[in-house]
Amino acid sequence: VAEFVRWLIGIAVIQAVFASLLALS
């Protein structure tokens, strides 16, 4: 469960960075 949650959070970080870069650019 903990490893699965870490993966979900890691994907969310990638999504956040990608979305922020697209919005700023």
PDB file of all heavy atoms in Angstrom:
ATOM      1  N   VAL A   1       0.840  -1.212   0.000  1.00  0.00           N
ATOM      2  CA  VAL A   1       0.000   0.000   0.000  1.00  0.00           C
ATOM      3  C   VAL A   1       0.870   1.255   0.000  1.00  0.00           C
ATOM      4  O   VAL A   1       0.626   2.202  -0.756  1.00  0.00           O
ATOM      5  CB  VAL A   1      -0.954  -0.009   1.206  1.00  0.00           C
ATOM      6  CG1 VAL A   1      -1.746   1.291   1.270  1.00  0.00           C
ATOM      7  CG2 VAL A   1      -1.906  -1.194   1.119  1.00  0.00           C
ATOM      8  N   ALA A   2       1.903   1.261   0.851  1.00  0.00           N
ATOM      9  CA  ALA A   2       2.777   2.427   0.926  1.00  0.00           C
ATOM     10  C   ALA A   2       3.505   2.663  -0.395  1.00  0.00           C
ATOM     11  O   ALA A   2       3.635   3.808  -0.850  1.00  0.00           O
ATOM     12  CB  ALA A   2       3.784   2.251   2.065  1.00  0.00           C
ATOM     13  N   GLU A   3       3.976   1.594  -1.020  1.00  0.00           N
ATOM     14  CA  GLU A   3       4.678   1.741  -2.306  1.00  0.00           C
ATOM     15  C   GLU A   3       3.723   2.236  -3.389  1.00  0.00           C
ATOM     16  O   GLU A   3       4.101   3.068  -4.222  1.00  0.00           O
ATOM     17  CB  GLU A   3       5.282   0.395  -2.714  1.00  0.00           C
ATOM     18  CG  GLU A   3       6.227   0.469  -3.907  1.00  0.00           C
ATOM     19  CD  GLU A   3       7.470   1.280  -3.612  1.00  0.00           C
ATOM     20  OE1 GLU A   3       7.848   1.393  -2.430  1.00  0.00           O
ATOM     21  OE2 GLU A   3       8.045   1.816  -4.579  1.00  0.00           O
ATOM     22  N   PHE A   4       2.504   1.741  -3.385  1.00  0.00           N
ATOM     23  CA  PHE A   4       1.508   2.193  -4.358  1.00  0.00           C
ATOM     24  C   PHE A   4       1.189   3.675  -4.160  1.00  0.00           C
ATOM     25  O   PHE A   4       1.090   4.433  -5.140  1.00  0.00           O
ATOM     26  CB  PHE A   4       0.240   1.346  -4.195  1.00  0.00           C
ATOM     27  CG  PHE A   4      -0.867   1.715  -5.141  1.00  0.00           C
ATOM     28  CD1 PHE A   4      -0.744   1.480  -6.495  1.00  0.00           C
ATOM     29  CD2 PHE A   4      -2.035   2.304  -4.669  1.00  0.00           C
ATOM     30  CE1 PHE A   4      -1.755   1.818  -7.376  1.00  0.00           C
ATOM     31  CE2 PHE A   4      -3.046   2.642  -5.535  1.00  0.00           C
ATOM     32  CZ  PHE A   4      -2.910   2.402  -6.894  1.00  0.00           C
ATOM     33  N   VAL A   5       1.063   4.095  -2.915  1.00  0.00           N
ATOM     34  CA  VAL A   5       0.802   5.506  -2.630  1.00  0.00           C
ATOM     35  C   VAL A   5       1.974   6.374  -3.084  1.00  0.00           C
ATOM     36  O   VAL A   5       1.791   7.468  -3.633  1.00  0.00           O
ATOM     37  CB  VAL A   5       0.520   5.699  -1.128  1.00  0.00           C
ATOM     38  CG1 VAL A   5       0.476   7.176  -0.775  1.00  0.00           C
ATOM     39  CG2 VAL A   5      -0.800   5.037  -0.745  1.00  0.00           C
ATOM     40  N   ARG A   6       3.195   5.892  -2.876  1.00  0.00           N
ATOM     41  CA  ARG A   6       4.371   6.652  -3.320  1.00  0.00           C
ATOM     42  C   ARG A   6       4.369   6.825  -4.838  1.00  0.00           C
ATOM     43  O   ARG A   6       4.743   7.881  -5.356  1.00  0.00           O
ATOM     44  CB  ARG A   6       5.646   5.961  -2.857  1.00  0.00           C
ATOM     45  CG  ARG A   6       5.852   5.971  -1.341  1.00  0.00           C
ATOM     46  CD  ARG A   6       7.231   5.467  -0.974  1.00  0.00           C
ATOM     47  NE  ARG A   6       7.382   5.354   0.467  1.00  0.00           N
ATOM     48  CZ  ARG A   6       7.252   4.215   1.146  1.00  0.00           C
ATOM     49  NH1 ARG A   6       6.982   3.091   0.499  1.00  0.00           N
ATOM     50  NH2 ARG A   6       7.405   4.201   2.449  1.00  0.00           N
ATOM     51  N   TRP A   7       3.973   5.789  -5.539  1.00  0.00           N
ATOM     52  CA  TRP A   7       3.896   5.901  -7.002  1.00  0.00           C
ATOM     53  C   TRP A   7       2.851   6.931  -7.416  1.00  0.00           C
ATOM     54  O   TRP A   7       3.081   7.731  -8.335  1.00  0.00           O
ATOM     55  CB  TRP A   7       3.577   4.539  -7.617  1.00  0.00           C
ATOM     56  CG  TRP A   7       4.785   3.711  -7.891  1.00  0.00           C
ATOM     57  CD1 TRP A   7       5.305   2.711  -7.116  1.00  0.00           C
ATOM     58  CD2 TRP A   7       5.653   3.818  -9.025  1.00  0.00           C
ATOM     59  NE1 TRP A   7       6.424   2.183  -7.702  1.00  0.00           N
ATOM     60  CE2 TRP A   7       6.670   2.836  -8.869  1.00  0.00           C
ATOM     61  CE3 TRP A   7       5.669   4.630 -10.148  1.00  0.00           C
ATOM     62  CZ2 TRP A   7       7.684   2.670  -9.801  1.00  0.00           C
ATOM     63  CZ3 TRP A   7       6.683   4.458 -11.084  1.00  0.00           C
ATOM     64  CH2 TRP A   7       7.668   3.494 -10.909  1.00  0.00           C
ATOM     65  N   LEU A   8       1.702   6.910  -6.752  1.00  0.00           N
ATOM     66  CA  LEU A   8       0.664   7.886  -7.072  1.00  0.00           C
ATOM     67  C   LEU A   8       1.150   9.312  -6.824  1.00  0.00           C
ATOM     68  O   LEU A   8       0.903  10.216  -7.627  1.00  0.00           O
ATOM     69  CB  LEU A   8      -0.592   7.606  -6.244  1.00  0.00           C
ATOM     70  CG  LEU A   8      -1.377   6.336  -6.577  1.00  0.00           C
ATOM     71  CD1 LEU A   8      -2.552   6.182  -5.627  1.00  0.00           C
ATOM     72  CD2 LEU A   8      -1.869   6.354  -8.020  1.00  0.00           C
ATOM     73  N   ILE A   9       1.849   9.507  -5.709  1.00  0.00           N
ATOM     74  CA  ILE A   9       2.354  10.838  -5.397  1.00  0.00           C
ATOM     75  C   ILE A   9       3.442  11.246  -6.384  1.00  0.00           C
ATOM     76  O   ILE A   9       3.514  12.398  -6.823  1.00  0.00           O
ATOM     77  CB  ILE A   9       2.878  10.882  -3.953  1.00  0.00           C
ATOM     78  CG1 ILE A   9       1.733  10.621  -2.972  1.00  0.00           C
ATOM     79  CG2 ILE A   9       3.535  12.220  -3.651  1.00  0.00           C
ATOM     80  CD1 ILE A   9       2.175  10.502  -1.529  1.00  0.00           C
ATOM     81  N   GLY A  10       4.311  10.294  -6.753  1.00  0.00           N
ATOM     82  CA  GLY A  10       5.358  10.604  -7.731  1.00  0.00           C
ATOM     83  C   GLY A  10       4.792  11.020  -9.075  1.00  0.00           C
ATOM     84  O   GLY A  10       5.270  11.986  -9.700  1.00  0.00           O
ATOM     85  N   ILE A  11       3.766  10.319  -9.521  1.00  0.00           N
ATOM     86  CA  ILE A  11       3.112  10.692 -10.784  1.00  0.00           C
ATOM     87  C   ILE A  11       2.462  12.064 -10.659  1.00  0.00           C
ATOM     88  O   ILE A  11       2.478  12.868 -11.604  1.00  0.00           O
ATOM     89  CB  ILE A  11       2.082   9.618 -11.176  1.00  0.00           C
ATOM     90  CG1 ILE A  11       2.785   8.287 -11.461  1.00  0.00           C
ATOM     91  CG2 ILE A  11       1.269  10.057 -12.387  1.00  0.00           C
ATOM     92  CD1 ILE A  11       1.847   7.135 -11.697  1.00  0.00           C
ATOM     93  N   ALA A  12       1.886  12.339  -9.471  1.00  0.00           N
ATOM     94  CA  ALA A  12       1.280  13.654  -9.256  1.00  0.00           C
ATOM     95  C   ALA A  12       2.321  14.766  -9.324  1.00  0.00           C
ATOM     96  O   ALA A  12       2.047  15.849  -9.859  1.00  0.00           O
ATOM     97  CB  ALA A  12       0.572  13.678  -7.898  1.00  0.00           C
ATOM     98  N   VAL A  13       3.519  14.508  -8.812  1.00  0.00           N
ATOM     99  CA  VAL A  13       4.586  15.518  -8.887  1.00  0.00           C
ATOM    100  C   VAL A  13       4.956  15.781 -10.341  1.00  0.00           C
ATOM    101  O   VAL A  13       5.134  16.939 -10.756  1.00  0.00           O
ATOM    102  CB  VAL A  13       5.817  15.045  -8.085  1.00  0.00           C
ATOM    103  CG1 VAL A  13       6.996  15.976  -8.316  1.00  0.00           C
ATOM    104  CG2 VAL A  13       5.485  14.977  -6.602  1.00  0.00           C
ATOM    105  N   ILE A  14       5.073  14.716 -11.131  1.00  0.00           N
ATOM    106  CA  ILE A  14       5.388  14.883 -12.554  1.00  0.00           C
ATOM    107  C   ILE A  14       4.287  15.674 -13.259  1.00  0.00           C
ATOM    108  O   ILE A  14       4.557  16.576 -14.063  1.00  0.00           O
ATOM    109  CB  ILE A  14       5.587  13.505 -13.214  1.00  0.00           C
ATOM    110  CG1 ILE A  14       6.801  12.802 -12.591  1.00  0.00           C
ATOM    111  CG2 ILE A  14       5.764  13.649 -14.720  1.00  0.00           C
ATOM    112  CD1 ILE A  14       6.997  11.388 -13.088  1.00  0.00           C
ATOM    113  N   GLN A  15       3.038  15.356 -12.938  1.00  0.00           N
ATOM    114  CA  GLN A  15       1.913  16.086 -13.523  1.00  0.00           C
ATOM    115  C   GLN A  15       1.946  17.559 -13.128  1.00  0.00           C
ATOM    116  O   GLN A  15       1.691  18.443 -13.953  1.00  0.00           O
ATOM    117  CB  GLN A  15       0.589  15.456 -13.079  1.00  0.00           C
ATOM    118  CG  GLN A  15       0.277  14.115 -13.696  1.00  0.00           C
ATOM    119  CD  GLN A  15      -0.266  14.248 -15.106  1.00  0.00           C
ATOM    120  OE1 GLN A  15      -0.438  15.345 -15.630  1.00  0.00           O
ATOM    121  NE2 GLN A  15      -0.537  13.121 -15.730  1.00  0.00           N
ATOM    122  N   ALA A  16       2.261  17.827 -11.848  1.00  0.00           N
ATOM    123  CA  ALA A  16       2.291  19.207 -11.368  1.00  0.00           C
ATOM    124  C   ALA A  16       3.383  20.005 -12.075  1.00  0.00           C
ATOM    125  O   ALA A  16       3.165  21.148 -12.497  1.00  0.00           O
ATOM    126  CB  ALA A  16       2.498  19.227  -9.855  1.00  0.00           C
ATOM    127  N   VAL A  17       4.572  19.408 -12.209  1.00  0.00           N
ATOM    128  CA  VAL A  17       5.677  20.106 -12.875  1.00  0.00           C
ATOM    129  C   VAL A  17       5.348  20.329 -14.346  1.00  0.00           C
ATOM    130  O   VAL A  17       5.545  21.437 -14.888  1.00  0.00           O
ATOM    131  CB  VAL A  17       6.976  19.297 -12.722  1.00  0.00           C
ATOM    132  CG1 VAL A  17       8.095  19.908 -13.568  1.00  0.00           C
ATOM    133  CG2 VAL A  17       7.394  19.231 -11.260  1.00  0.00           C
ATOM    134  N   PHE A  18       4.831  19.314 -14.994  1.00  0.00           N
ATOM    135  CA  PHE A  18       4.501  19.421 -16.420  1.00  0.00           C
ATOM    136  C   PHE A  18       3.419  20.477 -16.646  1.00  0.00           C
ATOM    137  O   PHE A  18       3.529  21.317 -17.555  1.00  0.00           O
ATOM    138  CB  PHE A  18       4.054  18.056 -16.937  1.00  0.00           C
ATOM    139  CG  PHE A  18       3.753  18.023 -18.405  1.00  0.00           C
ATOM    140  CD1 PHE A  18       4.744  18.273 -19.343  1.00  0.00           C
ATOM    141  CD2 PHE A  18       2.467  17.747 -18.860  1.00  0.00           C
ATOM    142  CE1 PHE A  18       4.469  18.245 -20.696  1.00  0.00           C
ATOM    143  CE2 PHE A  18       2.191  17.721 -20.214  1.00  0.00           C
ATOM    144  CZ  PHE A  18       3.198  17.965 -21.133  1.00  0.00           C
ATOM    145  N   ALA A  19       2.372  20.447 -15.811  1.00  0.00           N
ATOM    146  CA  ALA A  19       1.283  21.421 -15.957  1.00  0.00           C
ATOM    147  C   ALA A  19       1.762  22.829 -15.679  1.00  0.00           C
ATOM    148  O   ALA A  19       1.381  23.778 -16.381  1.00  0.00           O
ATOM    149  CB  ALA A  19       0.139  21.049 -15.025  1.00  0.00           C
ATOM    150  N   SER A  20       2.613  22.999 -14.663  1.00  0.00           N
ATOM    151  CA  SER A  20       3.111  24.332 -14.333  1.00  0.00           C
ATOM    152  C   SER A  20       3.987  24.888 -15.449  1.00  0.00           C
ATOM    153  O   SER A  20       3.895  26.072 -15.802  1.00  0.00           O
ATOM    154  CB  SER A  20       3.896  24.282 -13.020  1.00  0.00           C
ATOM    155  OG  SER A  20       3.069  23.835 -11.957  1.00  0.00           O
ATOM    156  N   LEU A  21       4.850  24.042 -16.016  1.00  0.00           N
ATOM    157  CA  LEU A  21       5.720  24.503 -17.106  1.00  0.00           C
ATOM    158  C   LEU A  21       4.900  24.908 -18.328  1.00  0.00           C
ATOM    159  O   LEU A  21       5.186  25.923 -18.973  1.00  0.00           O
ATOM    160  CB  LEU A  21       6.717  23.397 -17.479  1.00  0.00           C
ATOM    161  CG  LEU A  21       7.803  23.094 -16.450  1.00  0.00           C
ATOM    162  CD1 LEU A  21       8.656  21.923 -16.904  1.00  0.00           C
ATOM    163  CD2 LEU A  21       8.671  24.318 -16.194  1.00  0.00           C
ATOM    164  N   LEU A  22       3.866  24.129 -18.641  1.00  0.00           N
ATOM    165  CA  LEU A  22       3.027  24.474 -19.786  1.00  0.00           C
ATOM    166  C   LEU A  22       2.268  25.773 -19.532  1.00  0.00           C
ATOM    167  O   LEU A  22       2.124  26.607 -20.441  1.00  0.00           O
ATOM    168  CB  LEU A  22       2.042  23.341 -20.075  1.00  0.00           C
ATOM    169  CG  LEU A  22       2.614  22.043 -20.653  1.00  0.00           C
ATOM    170  CD1 LEU A  22       1.494  21.060 -20.932  1.00  0.00           C
ATOM    171  CD2 LEU A  22       3.406  22.308 -21.919  1.00  0.00           C
ATOM    172  N   ALA A  23       1.774  25.946 -18.299  1.00  0.00           N
ATOM    173  CA  ALA A  23       1.023  27.158 -17.995  1.00  0.00           C
ATOM    174  C   ALA A  23       1.916  28.397 -18.021  1.00  0.00           C
ATOM    175  O   ALA A  23       1.505  29.459 -18.511  1.00  0.00           O
ATOM    176  CB  ALA A  23       0.354  27.022 -16.626  1.00  0.00           C
ATOM    177  N   LEU A  24       3.138  28.269 -17.521  1.00  0.00           N
ATOM    178  CA  LEU A  24       4.043  29.417 -17.488  1.00  0.00           C
ATOM    179  C   LEU A  24       4.614  29.746 -18.869  1.00  0.00           C
ATOM    180  O   LEU A  24       4.885  30.912 -19.172  1.00  0.00           O
ATOM    181  CB  LEU A  24       5.191  29.148 -16.508  1.00  0.00           C
ATOM    182  CG  LEU A  24       4.797  29.046 -15.025  1.00  0.00           C
ATOM    183  CD1 LEU A  24       5.992  28.645 -14.192  1.00  0.00           C
ATOM    184  CD2 LEU A  24       4.213  30.358 -14.538  1.00  0.00           C
ATOM    185  N   SER A  25       4.795  28.719 -19.694  1.00  0.00           N
ATOM    186  CA  SER A  25       5.360  28.953 -21.030  1.00  0.00           C
ATOM    187  C   SER A  25       4.299  29.305 -22.057  1.00  0.00           C
ATOM    188  O   SER A  25       4.620  29.702 -23.172  1.00  0.00           O
ATOM    189  CB  SER A  25       6.119  27.708 -21.495  1.00  0.00           C
ATOM    190  OG  SER A  25       5.236  26.600 -21.612  1.00  0.00           O
TER     191      SER A  25
END
